[in-house]
Amino acid sequence: MKLSTLNSRRTRSLGFTLVELLVVIGIIAILAAVLFPGITAAINASKRAKAATTAGQIQTAVLAYYTEYSLYPVPTSAVASQDLLIADNDAVNWKALLFGLCGNVNPYDSSTTAPGTACTNNRAITFLNLKSSDVDANGGPKNPLPPNAAHPYYNLAIDYDYDNIVGDSGTGTTSALGKLPDFTNSTTSTMKYLATGTTGGVAVWANCNGSSGSTNPNFWVKTY
């Protein structure tokens, strides 16, 4: 009888009561609530950093192409008298550009079937290395933190009229008619645009706001 009582007490001392278990669950819930916003912010910051890195790689690849061929890589459908703009929803032109920059290879499936308007790369030089995870099935470069499913890519402007000013004119699907966003003067409610573009041959930028309607410049990545 005494041995049985002792074993019962020992069992109770090694276990949790319902109250203790609820307290532990409550503490875990509080810690999760405190830590989750910080974890989410860190993940988003990492994705923005990746977006900035990819934007820089694309810009470097375009400039390297220019150094090699003495002209810019543009889809064959581009208008020669205007700067080229490839918008963040223009999968067709992104696919055509990346095919040439990646050495005449589609990075999403490694096929060598050229898109209909692919930019020319006669020597099949690899200026840009993208993994299949960096692009989607449409062939465009995925923005790691896009505003929504309708704007999954980057924006790119190329000085196709060769006046050493990029973003002063162009074709594309933006309300600014090919002009570059002026992130220095934009606000959280109004996106402003550079009236005369900026010096250089190529500019890349991406919306990492998480909202297509937000113009907060702190959440965009850019190369100019």
N, C-alpha and C. Protein backbone atom coordinates (compact mmCIF):
# COMPACT_ATOMS: atom_id res chain seq x y z
N MET A 1 0.83 -1.20 0.00
CA MET A 1 0.00 0.00 0.00
C MET A 1 0.86 1.26 0.00
N LYS A 2 1.88 1.27 0.85
CA LYS A 2 2.77 2.43 0.92
C LYS A 2 3.53 2.59 -0.39
N LEU A 3 3.96 1.46 -0.98
CA LEU A 3 4.68 1.51 -2.25
C LEU A 3 3.80 2.07 -3.35
N SER A 4 2.55 1.67 -3.37
CA SER A 4 1.60 2.17 -4.37
C SER A 4 1.40 3.68 -4.24
N THR A 5 1.29 4.14 -3.01
CA THR A 5 1.11 5.58 -2.76
C THR A 5 2.32 6.36 -3.23
N LEU A 6 3.50 5.81 -2.95
CA LEU A 6 4.75 6.47 -3.35
C LEU A 6 4.85 6.58 -4.87
N ASN A 7 4.50 5.50 -5.58
CA ASN A 7 4.54 5.51 -7.04
C ASN A 7 3.56 6.51 -7.62
N SER A 8 2.39 6.64 -6.98
CA SER A 8 1.39 7.60 -7.44
C SER A 8 1.89 9.02 -7.31
N ARG A 9 2.52 9.31 -6.16
CA ARG A 9 3.06 10.65 -5.95
C ARG A 9 4.19 10.95 -6.95
N ARG A 10 5.03 9.94 -7.19
CA ARG A 10 6.13 10.13 -8.12
C ARG A 10 5.62 10.39 -9.53
N THR A 11 4.56 9.69 -9.93
CA THR A 11 3.97 9.89 -11.26
C THR A 11 3.43 11.29 -11.40
N ARG A 12 2.75 11.78 -10.34
CA ARG A 12 2.21 13.14 -10.41
C ARG A 12 3.32 14.17 -10.47
N SER A 13 4.45 13.92 -9.80
CA SER A 13 5.54 14.88 -9.76
C SER A 13 6.28 14.97 -11.09
N LEU A 14 6.21 13.86 -11.88
CA LEU A 14 6.90 13.85 -13.16
C LEU A 14 6.03 14.39 -14.30
N GLY A 15 4.76 14.57 -14.12
CA GLY A 15 3.85 15.01 -15.17
C GLY A 15 3.47 16.47 -15.04
N PHE A 16 2.63 16.93 -15.99
CA PHE A 16 2.11 18.29 -15.99
C PHE A 16 0.64 18.25 -15.61
N THR A 17 0.26 19.23 -14.84
CA THR A 17 -1.17 19.39 -14.60
C THR A 17 -1.77 20.16 -15.77
N LEU A 18 -3.06 20.17 -15.89
CA LEU A 18 -3.73 20.87 -16.97
C LEU A 18 -3.42 22.36 -16.91
N VAL A 19 -3.39 22.91 -15.72
CA VAL A 19 -3.11 24.34 -15.56
C VAL A 19 -1.70 24.67 -16.05
N GLU A 20 -0.73 23.81 -15.67
CA GLU A 20 0.65 24.04 -16.08
C GLU A 20 0.78 23.96 -17.61
N LEU A 21 0.09 23.01 -18.19
CA LEU A 21 0.14 22.86 -19.64
C LEU A 21 -0.44 24.08 -20.34
N LEU A 22 -1.55 24.60 -19.81
CA LEU A 22 -2.16 25.80 -20.40
C LEU A 22 -1.25 27.01 -20.27
N VAL A 23 -0.55 27.09 -19.15
CA VAL A 23 0.40 28.20 -18.95
C VAL A 23 1.52 28.14 -19.99
N VAL A 24 2.05 26.94 -20.20
CA VAL A 24 3.12 26.77 -21.19
C VAL A 24 2.63 27.14 -22.59
N ILE A 25 1.44 26.69 -22.94
CA ILE A 25 0.87 27.01 -24.25
C ILE A 25 0.68 28.52 -24.40
N GLY A 26 0.22 29.16 -23.32
CA GLY A 26 0.04 30.61 -23.36
C GLY A 26 1.35 31.35 -23.57
N ILE A 27 2.41 30.89 -22.90
CA ILE A 27 3.72 31.53 -23.04
C ILE A 27 4.22 31.38 -24.48
N ILE A 28 4.06 30.18 -25.03
CA ILE A 28 4.48 29.95 -26.41
C ILE A 28 3.72 30.85 -27.38
N ALA A 29 2.42 31.00 -27.15
CA ALA A 29 1.61 31.85 -28.01
C ALA A 29 2.07 33.31 -27.95
N ILE A 30 2.38 33.77 -26.74
CA ILE A 30 2.85 35.15 -26.57
C ILE A 30 4.18 35.36 -27.28
N LEU A 31 5.10 34.42 -27.11
CA LEU A 31 6.40 34.53 -27.77
C LEU A 31 6.26 34.53 -29.29
N ALA A 32 5.36 33.67 -29.79
CA ALA A 32 5.14 33.62 -31.24
C ALA A 32 4.59 34.94 -31.76
N ALA A 33 3.67 35.54 -31.00
CA ALA A 33 3.08 36.82 -31.40
C ALA A 33 4.12 37.93 -31.42
N VAL A 34 5.07 37.84 -30.47
CA VAL A 34 6.12 38.86 -30.39
C VAL A 34 7.15 38.69 -31.51
N LEU A 35 7.52 37.43 -31.78
CA LEU A 35 8.60 37.14 -32.72
C LEU A 35 8.16 37.13 -34.17
N PHE A 36 6.90 36.79 -34.45
CA PHE A 36 6.47 36.61 -35.84
C PHE A 36 6.64 37.87 -36.70
N PRO A 37 6.23 39.07 -36.22
CA PRO A 37 6.44 40.25 -37.07
C PRO A 37 7.90 40.48 -37.41
N GLY A 38 8.80 40.22 -36.45
CA GLY A 38 10.22 40.39 -36.71
C GLY A 38 10.74 39.40 -37.73
N ILE A 39 10.25 38.16 -37.64
CA ILE A 39 10.66 37.14 -38.60
C ILE A 39 10.17 37.49 -39.99
N THR A 40 8.91 37.94 -40.08
CA THR A 40 8.34 38.32 -41.38
C THR A 40 9.12 39.48 -41.99
N ALA A 41 9.46 40.46 -41.17
CA ALA A 41 10.22 41.61 -41.66
C ALA A 41 11.60 41.18 -42.16
N ALA A 42 12.23 40.26 -41.45
CA ALA A 42 13.54 39.77 -41.86
C ALA A 42 13.46 39.01 -43.19
N ILE A 43 12.42 38.21 -43.34
CA ILE A 43 12.22 37.46 -44.59
C ILE A 43 12.01 38.41 -45.76
N ASN A 44 11.18 39.44 -45.56
CA ASN A 44 10.92 40.41 -46.61
C ASN A 44 12.18 41.21 -46.96
N ALA A 45 12.97 41.55 -45.94
CA ALA A 45 14.22 42.27 -46.19
C ALA A 45 15.17 41.41 -47.01
N SER A 46 15.20 40.13 -46.73
CA SER A 46 16.05 39.21 -47.49
C SER A 46 15.59 39.12 -48.94
N LYS A 47 14.27 39.10 -49.14
CA LYS A 47 13.74 39.03 -50.50
C LYS A 47 14.03 40.32 -51.27
N ARG A 48 13.94 41.48 -50.58
CA ARG A 48 14.27 42.74 -51.24
C ARG A 48 15.74 42.76 -51.63
N ALA A 49 16.59 42.23 -50.76
CA ALA A 49 18.02 42.17 -51.07
C ALA A 49 18.28 41.29 -52.29
N LYS A 50 17.57 40.18 -52.37
CA LYS A 50 17.70 39.30 -53.54
C LYS A 50 17.22 40.01 -54.80
N ALA A 51 16.12 40.76 -54.69
CA ALA A 51 15.61 41.50 -55.83
C ALA A 51 16.63 42.54 -56.30
N ALA A 52 17.26 43.22 -55.36
CA ALA A 52 18.27 44.23 -55.70
C ALA A 52 19.47 43.58 -56.39
N THR A 53 19.87 42.41 -55.90
CA THR A 53 21.00 41.71 -56.51
C THR A 53 20.69 41.30 -57.94
N THR A 54 19.50 40.76 -58.16
CA THR A 54 19.10 40.34 -59.50
C THR A 54 19.01 41.53 -60.44
N ALA A 55 18.47 42.64 -59.96
CA ALA A 55 18.39 43.85 -60.78
C ALA A 55 19.78 44.29 -61.22
N GLY A 56 20.74 44.25 -60.30
CA GLY A 56 22.11 44.61 -60.62
C GLY A 56 22.73 43.66 -61.63
N GLN A 57 22.43 42.37 -61.50
CA GLN A 57 22.96 41.38 -62.44
C GLN A 57 22.42 41.60 -63.85
N ILE A 58 21.14 41.94 -63.94
CA ILE A 58 20.54 42.21 -65.25
C ILE A 58 21.18 43.44 -65.89
N GLN A 59 21.34 44.49 -65.10
CA GLN A 59 21.98 45.71 -65.62
C GLN A 59 23.40 45.42 -66.09
N THR A 60 24.16 44.70 -65.29
CA THR A 60 25.54 44.36 -65.65
C THR A 60 25.58 43.54 -66.93
N ALA A 61 24.64 42.62 -67.09
CA ALA A 61 24.60 41.78 -68.28
C ALA A 61 24.33 42.60 -69.53
N VAL A 62 23.39 43.54 -69.43
CA VAL A 62 23.07 44.39 -70.58
C VAL A 62 24.29 45.23 -70.98
N LEU A 63 24.98 45.79 -70.00
CA LEU A 63 26.16 46.61 -70.28
C LEU A 63 27.30 45.76 -70.85
N ALA A 64 27.43 44.52 -70.36
CA ALA A 64 28.46 43.62 -70.90
C ALA A 64 28.14 43.27 -72.35
N TYR A 65 26.88 43.07 -72.65
CA TYR A 65 26.45 42.81 -74.03
C TYR A 65 26.83 44.00 -74.91
N TYR A 66 26.59 45.19 -74.42
CA TYR A 66 26.93 46.40 -75.19
C TYR A 66 28.43 46.48 -75.44
N THR A 67 29.23 46.16 -74.42
CA THR A 67 30.68 46.17 -74.58
C THR A 67 31.13 45.18 -75.65
N GLU A 68 30.48 44.03 -75.70
CA GLU A 68 30.85 42.98 -76.65
C GLU A 68 30.40 43.30 -78.07
N TYR A 69 29.17 43.78 -78.22
CA TYR A 69 28.60 43.96 -79.56
C TYR A 69 28.49 45.41 -80.01
N SER A 70 28.77 46.36 -79.13
CA SER A 70 28.65 47.79 -79.43
C SER A 70 27.22 48.20 -79.77
N LEU A 71 26.28 47.46 -79.25
CA LEU A 71 24.86 47.82 -79.34
C LEU A 71 24.14 47.13 -78.19
N TYR A 72 22.93 47.59 -77.91
CA TYR A 72 22.19 47.06 -76.77
C TYR A 72 21.34 45.85 -77.17
N PRO A 73 21.14 44.93 -76.23
CA PRO A 73 20.28 43.78 -76.52
C PRO A 73 18.81 44.18 -76.39
N VAL A 74 18.10 44.11 -77.47
CA VAL A 74 16.68 44.46 -77.44
C VAL A 74 15.91 43.45 -78.27
N PRO A 75 14.68 43.18 -77.92
CA PRO A 75 13.84 42.33 -78.77
C PRO A 75 13.71 42.93 -80.16
N THR A 76 13.55 42.10 -81.16
CA THR A 76 13.49 42.58 -82.54
C THR A 76 12.27 43.45 -82.80
N SER A 77 11.31 43.45 -81.90
CA SER A 77 10.11 44.28 -82.08
C SER A 77 10.30 45.71 -81.57
N ALA A 78 11.47 46.02 -80.99
CA ALA A 78 11.69 47.34 -80.40
C ALA A 78 11.74 48.43 -81.47
N VAL A 79 11.35 49.65 -81.09
CA VAL A 79 11.38 50.82 -81.98
C VAL A 79 12.73 51.51 -81.81
N ALA A 80 13.51 51.59 -82.89
CA ALA A 80 14.90 52.05 -82.79
C ALA A 80 15.04 53.51 -82.39
N SER A 81 14.05 54.33 -82.63
CA SER A 81 14.17 55.76 -82.35
C SER A 81 13.76 56.12 -80.92
N GLN A 82 13.43 55.11 -80.10
CA GLN A 82 12.98 55.37 -78.74
C GLN A 82 13.68 54.43 -77.77
N ASP A 83 13.78 54.88 -76.53
CA ASP A 83 14.26 53.98 -75.49
C ASP A 83 13.27 52.84 -75.32
N LEU A 84 13.80 51.69 -75.00
CA LEU A 84 12.96 50.52 -74.79
C LEU A 84 12.57 50.42 -73.32
N LEU A 85 11.32 50.16 -73.05
CA LEU A 85 10.85 49.86 -71.70
C LEU A 85 10.23 48.47 -71.69
N ILE A 86 10.72 47.62 -70.80
CA ILE A 86 10.07 46.33 -70.57
C ILE A 86 9.44 46.41 -69.19
N ALA A 87 8.14 46.38 -69.13
CA ALA A 87 7.41 46.58 -67.88
C ALA A 87 7.33 45.29 -67.07
N ASP A 88 6.83 45.43 -65.84
CA ASP A 88 6.81 44.30 -64.91
C ASP A 88 5.71 43.29 -65.20
N ASN A 89 4.95 43.51 -66.27
CA ASN A 89 3.95 42.52 -66.68
C ASN A 89 4.15 42.07 -68.12
N ASP A 90 5.32 42.41 -68.69
CA ASP A 90 5.60 42.14 -70.09
C ASP A 90 6.44 40.87 -70.23
N ALA A 91 5.79 39.73 -70.07
CA ALA A 91 6.51 38.45 -70.11
C ALA A 91 7.13 38.19 -71.48
N VAL A 92 6.48 38.61 -72.56
CA VAL A 92 6.96 38.34 -73.92
C VAL A 92 8.33 38.97 -74.15
N ASN A 93 8.46 40.25 -73.83
CA ASN A 93 9.73 40.93 -74.07
C ASN A 93 10.81 40.52 -73.06
N TRP A 94 10.40 40.23 -71.84
CA TRP A 94 11.39 39.73 -70.88
C TRP A 94 11.96 38.40 -71.36
N LYS A 95 11.12 37.54 -71.86
CA LYS A 95 11.57 36.24 -72.36
C LYS A 95 12.53 36.43 -73.53
N ALA A 96 12.20 37.35 -74.42
CA ALA A 96 13.05 37.62 -75.59
C ALA A 96 14.41 38.17 -75.17
N LEU A 97 14.42 39.04 -74.16
CA LEU A 97 15.67 39.63 -73.69
C LEU A 97 16.54 38.58 -72.98
N LEU A 98 15.93 37.84 -72.05
CA LEU A 98 16.70 36.88 -71.27
C LEU A 98 17.29 35.77 -72.13
N PHE A 99 16.59 35.39 -73.19
CA PHE A 99 17.11 34.35 -74.08
C PHE A 99 18.48 34.74 -74.61
N GLY A 100 18.60 35.98 -75.09
CA GLY A 100 19.88 36.44 -75.61
C GLY A 100 20.93 36.63 -74.54
N LEU A 101 20.54 37.24 -73.42
CA LEU A 101 21.50 37.49 -72.35
C LEU A 101 22.03 36.20 -71.73
N CYS A 102 21.22 35.15 -71.74
CA CYS A 102 21.62 33.88 -71.14
C CYS A 102 22.31 32.95 -72.15
N GLY A 103 22.81 33.51 -73.25
CA GLY A 103 23.57 32.71 -74.19
C GLY A 103 22.72 31.89 -75.13
N ASN A 104 21.58 32.45 -75.54
CA ASN A 104 20.64 31.78 -76.43
C ASN A 104 20.06 30.52 -75.80
N VAL A 105 19.71 30.66 -74.52
CA VAL A 105 19.10 29.57 -73.76
C VAL A 105 17.94 30.16 -72.97
N ASN A 106 16.82 29.45 -72.93
CA ASN A 106 15.72 29.84 -72.07
C ASN A 106 16.03 29.36 -70.65
N PRO A 107 16.25 30.26 -69.71
CA PRO A 107 16.69 29.83 -68.38
C PRO A 107 15.67 29.01 -67.60
N TYR A 108 14.39 29.10 -67.96
CA TYR A 108 13.38 28.39 -67.18
C TYR A 108 13.32 26.90 -67.51
N ASP A 109 13.79 26.51 -68.71
CA ASP A 109 13.77 25.08 -69.05
C ASP A 109 15.02 24.63 -69.81
N SER A 110 16.01 25.53 -69.95
CA SER A 110 17.29 25.23 -70.61
C SER A 110 17.14 24.87 -72.09
N SER A 111 16.00 25.17 -72.69
CA SER A 111 15.82 24.88 -74.11
C SER A 111 16.51 25.96 -74.94
N THR A 112 16.81 25.64 -76.17
CA THR A 112 17.46 26.58 -77.07
C THR A 112 16.52 27.07 -78.17
N THR A 113 15.24 26.88 -77.96
CA THR A 113 14.24 27.37 -78.91
C THR A 113 14.06 28.86 -78.72
N ALA A 114 14.40 29.64 -79.72
CA ALA A 114 14.38 31.10 -79.59
C ALA A 114 12.95 31.63 -79.62
N PRO A 115 12.61 32.55 -78.73
CA PRO A 115 11.31 33.23 -78.83
C PRO A 115 11.24 34.00 -80.14
N GLY A 116 10.05 34.30 -80.57
CA GLY A 116 9.86 34.95 -81.86
C GLY A 116 10.58 36.28 -82.01
N THR A 117 10.74 37.03 -80.91
CA THR A 117 11.37 38.34 -80.98
C THR A 117 12.67 38.39 -80.18
N ALA A 118 13.35 37.27 -80.06
CA ALA A 118 14.55 37.19 -79.22
C ALA A 118 15.62 38.16 -79.69
N CYS A 119 16.31 38.77 -78.71
CA CYS A 119 17.42 39.65 -79.07
C CYS A 119 18.58 38.80 -79.61
N THR A 120 19.38 39.40 -80.46
CA THR A 120 20.44 38.67 -81.16
C THR A 120 21.67 38.49 -80.27
N ASN A 121 22.22 37.28 -80.26
CA ASN A 121 23.49 37.00 -79.57
C ASN A 121 24.24 36.00 -80.46
N ASN A 122 24.86 36.52 -81.53
CA ASN A 122 25.44 35.67 -82.56
C ASN A 122 26.53 34.75 -82.03
N ARG A 123 27.26 35.17 -81.01
CA ARG A 123 28.34 34.35 -80.48
C ARG A 123 27.89 33.46 -79.32
N ALA A 124 26.61 33.53 -78.99
CA ALA A 124 26.03 32.71 -77.90
C ALA A 124 26.82 32.87 -76.60
N ILE A 125 27.21 34.10 -76.29
CA ILE A 125 27.94 34.39 -75.06
C ILE A 125 26.96 34.46 -73.89
N THR A 126 27.34 33.88 -72.77
CA THR A 126 26.50 33.94 -71.58
C THR A 126 26.84 35.19 -70.78
N PHE A 127 25.96 36.16 -70.83
CA PHE A 127 26.15 37.40 -70.07
C PHE A 127 25.44 37.35 -68.72
N LEU A 128 24.47 36.46 -68.61
CA LEU A 128 23.64 36.39 -67.40
C LEU A 128 23.36 34.93 -67.08
N ASN A 129 23.56 34.57 -65.83
CA ASN A 129 23.25 33.22 -65.36
C ASN A 129 22.06 33.28 -64.42
N LEU A 130 20.96 32.70 -64.83
CA LEU A 130 19.78 32.63 -63.98
C LEU A 130 19.39 31.17 -63.79
N LYS A 131 19.06 30.81 -62.56
CA LYS A 131 18.56 29.46 -62.28
C LYS A 131 17.09 29.39 -62.68
N SER A 132 16.61 28.17 -62.87
CA SER A 132 15.21 28.01 -63.23
C SER A 132 14.29 28.59 -62.16
N SER A 133 14.74 28.60 -60.91
CA SER A 133 13.93 29.15 -59.82
C SER A 133 13.86 30.67 -59.87
N ASP A 134 14.72 31.30 -60.68
CA ASP A 134 14.74 32.76 -60.79
C ASP A 134 13.77 33.29 -61.84
N VAL A 135 13.19 32.38 -62.62
CA VAL A 135 12.26 32.77 -63.67
C VAL A 135 11.00 31.93 -63.54
N ASP A 136 9.95 32.35 -64.24
CA ASP A 136 8.72 31.56 -64.20
C ASP A 136 8.48 30.89 -65.55
N ALA A 137 7.37 30.19 -65.67
CA ALA A 137 7.08 29.43 -66.88
C ALA A 137 6.89 30.32 -68.09
N ASN A 138 6.63 31.61 -67.89
CA ASN A 138 6.48 32.55 -69.00
C ASN A 138 7.82 33.07 -69.50
N GLY A 139 8.89 32.78 -68.75
CA GLY A 139 10.22 33.21 -69.16
C GLY A 139 10.68 34.52 -68.57
N GLY A 140 9.89 35.15 -67.72
CA GLY A 140 10.28 36.42 -67.11
C GLY A 140 11.02 36.23 -65.80
N PRO A 141 11.86 37.18 -65.41
CA PRO A 141 12.61 37.08 -64.15
C PRO A 141 11.70 37.37 -62.96
N LYS A 142 11.55 36.43 -62.07
CA LYS A 142 10.62 36.59 -60.95
C LYS A 142 11.12 37.61 -59.94
N ASN A 143 10.26 38.53 -59.58
CA ASN A 143 10.50 39.44 -58.47
C ASN A 143 10.22 38.66 -57.19
N PRO A 144 11.19 38.51 -56.28
CA PRO A 144 10.95 37.72 -55.07
C PRO A 144 9.84 38.25 -54.18
N LEU A 145 9.53 39.55 -54.30
CA LEU A 145 8.50 40.14 -53.46
C LEU A 145 7.62 41.05 -54.32
N PRO A 146 6.87 40.48 -55.28
CA PRO A 146 6.07 41.32 -56.18
C PRO A 146 4.85 41.89 -55.48
N PRO A 147 4.30 43.00 -56.00
CA PRO A 147 3.12 43.60 -55.39
C PRO A 147 1.88 42.70 -55.49
N ASN A 148 1.75 41.99 -56.60
CA ASN A 148 0.66 41.03 -56.76
C ASN A 148 0.94 40.18 -57.99
N ALA A 149 0.05 39.25 -58.26
CA ALA A 149 0.29 38.30 -59.35
C ALA A 149 0.32 38.95 -60.72
N ALA A 150 -0.24 40.15 -60.85
CA ALA A 150 -0.27 40.83 -62.14
C ALA A 150 1.03 41.57 -62.45
N HIS A 151 1.90 41.73 -61.46
CA HIS A 151 3.15 42.46 -61.64
C HIS A 151 4.32 41.61 -61.11
N PRO A 152 4.62 40.48 -61.75
CA PRO A 152 5.56 39.52 -61.15
C PRO A 152 7.02 39.77 -61.47
N TYR A 153 7.34 40.73 -62.35
CA TYR A 153 8.71 40.86 -62.84
C TYR A 153 9.36 42.18 -62.41
N TYR A 154 10.45 42.49 -63.06
CA TYR A 154 11.15 43.76 -62.89
C TYR A 154 10.72 44.70 -64.02
N ASN A 155 11.12 45.96 -63.90
CA ASN A 155 10.99 46.93 -64.99
C ASN A 155 12.40 47.22 -65.51
N LEU A 156 12.52 47.44 -66.81
CA LEU A 156 13.83 47.71 -67.39
C LEU A 156 13.69 48.75 -68.50
N ALA A 157 14.63 49.69 -68.53
CA ALA A 157 14.69 50.67 -69.61
C ALA A 157 16.09 50.63 -70.22
N ILE A 158 16.15 50.66 -71.54
CA ILE A 158 17.42 50.61 -72.26
C ILE A 158 17.48 51.82 -73.21
N ASP A 159 18.65 52.44 -73.27
CA ASP A 159 18.87 53.64 -74.10
C ASP A 159 18.98 53.24 -75.57
N TYR A 160 17.85 52.87 -76.16
CA TYR A 160 17.86 52.35 -77.52
C TYR A 160 17.96 53.44 -78.58
N ASP A 161 17.80 54.71 -78.17
CA ASP A 161 18.03 55.78 -79.15
C ASP A 161 19.47 56.32 -79.03
N TYR A 162 20.27 55.73 -78.14
CA TYR A 162 21.71 55.98 -78.03
C TYR A 162 22.05 57.46 -77.85
N ASP A 163 21.33 58.12 -76.95
CA ASP A 163 21.67 59.50 -76.63
C ASP A 163 22.31 59.61 -75.25
N ASN A 164 22.66 58.47 -74.66
CA ASN A 164 23.26 58.37 -73.34
C ASN A 164 22.35 58.85 -72.22
N ILE A 165 21.07 58.94 -72.51
CA ILE A 165 20.06 59.25 -71.50
C ILE A 165 19.02 58.14 -71.55
N VAL A 166 18.86 57.44 -70.46
CA VAL A 166 17.88 56.36 -70.44
C VAL A 166 16.63 56.82 -69.70
N GLY A 167 15.48 56.52 -70.29
CA GLY A 167 14.22 56.88 -69.65
C GLY A 167 13.67 58.23 -70.05
N ASP A 168 14.20 58.83 -71.13
CA ASP A 168 13.67 60.12 -71.56
C ASP A 168 12.59 59.97 -72.63
N SER A 169 12.45 58.78 -73.16
CA SER A 169 11.38 58.47 -74.11
C SER A 169 11.28 56.97 -74.17
N GLY A 170 10.22 56.47 -74.76
CA GLY A 170 10.18 55.02 -74.87
C GLY A 170 8.82 54.46 -75.17
N THR A 171 8.81 53.17 -75.43
CA THR A 171 7.57 52.44 -75.62
C THR A 171 7.36 51.54 -74.42
N GLY A 172 6.15 51.22 -74.13
CA GLY A 172 5.88 50.35 -72.99
C GLY A 172 4.46 50.53 -72.50
N THR A 173 4.16 49.87 -71.40
CA THR A 173 2.79 49.87 -70.89
C THR A 173 2.72 50.56 -69.53
N THR A 174 3.22 51.77 -69.43
CA THR A 174 3.10 52.54 -68.19
C THR A 174 2.46 53.88 -68.50
N SER A 175 1.85 54.47 -67.49
CA SER A 175 1.20 55.76 -67.66
C SER A 175 2.22 56.87 -67.88
N ALA A 176 3.49 56.61 -67.54
CA ALA A 176 4.52 57.63 -67.69
C ALA A 176 5.20 57.57 -69.05
N LEU A 177 4.71 56.71 -69.95
CA LEU A 177 5.21 56.63 -71.31
C LEU A 177 6.71 56.39 -71.37
N GLY A 178 7.18 55.47 -70.56
CA GLY A 178 8.58 55.08 -70.64
C GLY A 178 9.53 55.84 -69.75
N LYS A 179 9.03 56.80 -68.99
CA LYS A 179 9.91 57.56 -68.10
C LYS A 179 10.23 56.77 -66.84
N LEU A 180 11.36 57.09 -66.23
CA LEU A 180 11.78 56.39 -65.02
C LEU A 180 11.11 56.99 -63.78
N PRO A 181 10.73 56.18 -62.83
CA PRO A 181 10.22 56.71 -61.56
C PRO A 181 11.27 57.57 -60.86
N ASP A 182 10.85 58.67 -60.30
CA ASP A 182 11.73 59.56 -59.54
C ASP A 182 11.56 59.23 -58.05
N PHE A 183 12.33 58.26 -57.58
CA PHE A 183 12.15 57.80 -56.21
C PHE A 183 12.59 58.82 -55.17
N THR A 184 13.45 59.75 -55.55
CA THR A 184 13.90 60.78 -54.61
C THR A 184 12.76 61.69 -54.21
N ASN A 185 11.88 62.00 -55.16
CA ASN A 185 10.79 62.95 -54.89
C ASN A 185 9.43 62.29 -54.75
N SER A 186 9.35 60.98 -54.94
CA SER A 186 8.07 60.31 -54.77
C SER A 186 7.71 60.23 -53.28
N THR A 187 6.45 60.08 -53.01
CA THR A 187 5.97 59.96 -51.64
C THR A 187 5.21 58.64 -51.49
N THR A 188 4.69 58.41 -50.30
CA THR A 188 3.94 57.19 -50.07
C THR A 188 2.60 57.18 -50.79
N SER A 189 2.20 58.33 -51.33
CA SER A 189 0.91 58.40 -52.03
C SER A 189 1.02 58.79 -53.50
N THR A 190 2.18 59.31 -53.92
CA THR A 190 2.32 59.79 -55.30
C THR A 190 3.65 59.35 -55.89
N MET A 191 3.59 58.67 -57.04
CA MET A 191 4.80 58.32 -57.76
C MET A 191 5.11 59.42 -58.77
N LYS A 192 6.31 59.99 -58.68
CA LYS A 192 6.73 61.01 -59.63
C LYS A 192 7.74 60.40 -60.60
N TYR A 193 7.94 61.07 -61.75
CA TYR A 193 8.79 60.53 -62.80
C TYR A 193 9.84 61.55 -63.23
N LEU A 194 11.01 61.04 -63.64
CA LEU A 194 12.08 61.91 -64.11
C LEU A 194 11.71 62.47 -65.48
N ALA A 195 11.69 63.78 -65.59
CA ALA A 195 11.25 64.40 -66.84
C ALA A 195 12.23 64.15 -67.98
N THR A 196 13.52 64.08 -67.67
CA THR A 196 14.53 63.93 -68.73
C THR A 196 15.35 62.65 -68.57
N GLY A 197 14.88 61.70 -67.82
CA GLY A 197 15.62 60.45 -67.66
C GLY A 197 16.87 60.63 -66.82
N THR A 198 17.82 59.72 -66.99
CA THR A 198 19.06 59.80 -66.24
C THR A 198 20.20 59.30 -67.11
N THR A 199 21.39 59.76 -66.84
CA THR A 199 22.54 59.39 -67.65
C THR A 199 22.82 57.89 -67.55
N GLY A 200 23.10 57.28 -68.69
CA GLY A 200 23.44 55.86 -68.69
C GLY A 200 22.75 55.11 -69.81
N GLY A 201 23.00 53.80 -69.82
CA GLY A 201 22.47 53.00 -70.90
C GLY A 201 21.35 52.07 -70.50
N VAL A 202 21.24 51.76 -69.20
CA VAL A 202 20.21 50.81 -68.77
C VAL A 202 19.83 51.09 -67.33
N ALA A 203 18.57 50.90 -67.01
CA ALA A 203 18.08 51.06 -65.64
C ALA A 203 17.11 49.92 -65.36
N VAL A 204 17.20 49.38 -64.15
CA VAL A 204 16.31 48.29 -63.74
C VAL A 204 15.71 48.67 -62.39
N TRP A 205 14.43 48.43 -62.22
CA TRP A 205 13.80 48.71 -60.93
C TRP A 205 12.65 47.74 -60.70
N ALA A 206 12.29 47.56 -59.42
CA ALA A 206 11.23 46.60 -59.08
C ALA A 206 10.46 47.08 -57.87
N ASN A 207 9.16 46.82 -57.90
CA ASN A 207 8.27 47.15 -56.80
C ASN A 207 8.25 45.99 -55.80
N CYS A 208 8.78 46.22 -54.61
CA CYS A 208 8.77 45.20 -53.56
C CYS A 208 7.90 45.64 -52.39
N ASN A 209 6.89 46.46 -52.69
CA ASN A 209 6.02 46.99 -51.65
C ASN A 209 5.06 45.95 -51.09
N GLY A 210 4.66 45.00 -51.89
CA GLY A 210 3.60 44.10 -51.47
C GLY A 210 2.23 44.62 -51.86
N SER A 211 2.19 45.84 -52.42
CA SER A 211 0.93 46.43 -52.87
C SER A 211 1.20 47.23 -54.13
N SER A 212 0.45 46.95 -55.19
CA SER A 212 0.67 47.65 -56.45
C SER A 212 0.30 49.12 -56.35
N GLY A 213 -0.53 49.49 -55.38
CA GLY A 213 -0.94 50.87 -55.24
C GLY A 213 0.00 51.70 -54.40
N SER A 214 0.94 51.08 -53.72
CA SER A 214 1.85 51.81 -52.85
C SER A 214 3.03 52.37 -53.63
N THR A 215 3.40 53.61 -53.36
CA THR A 215 4.54 54.23 -54.03
C THR A 215 5.66 54.59 -53.06
N ASN A 216 5.64 53.99 -51.88
CA ASN A 216 6.68 54.27 -50.90
C ASN A 216 8.04 53.89 -51.47
N PRO A 217 8.93 54.86 -51.72
CA PRO A 217 10.20 54.56 -52.38
C PRO A 217 11.12 53.68 -51.55
N ASN A 218 10.88 53.58 -50.27
CA ASN A 218 11.75 52.78 -49.41
C ASN A 218 11.68 51.29 -49.71
N PHE A 219 10.63 50.86 -50.39
CA PHE A 219 10.44 49.44 -50.65
C PHE A 219 10.71 49.05 -52.09
N TRP A 220 11.15 50.00 -52.91
CA TRP A 220 11.51 49.68 -54.28
C TRP A 220 13.02 49.41 -54.34
N VAL A 221 13.43 48.58 -55.29
CA VAL A 221 14.86 48.41 -55.56
C VAL A 221 15.14 48.98 -56.95
N LYS A 222 16.32 49.54 -57.14
CA LYS A 222 16.64 50.18 -58.42
C LYS A 222 18.15 50.19 -58.64
N THR A 223 18.55 50.43 -59.89
CA THR A 223 19.98 50.46 -60.22
C THR A 223 20.43 51.83 -60.70
N TYR A 224 19.61 52.85 -60.52
CA TYR A 224 19.97 54.19 -61.00
C TYR A 224 19.75 55.22 -59.91
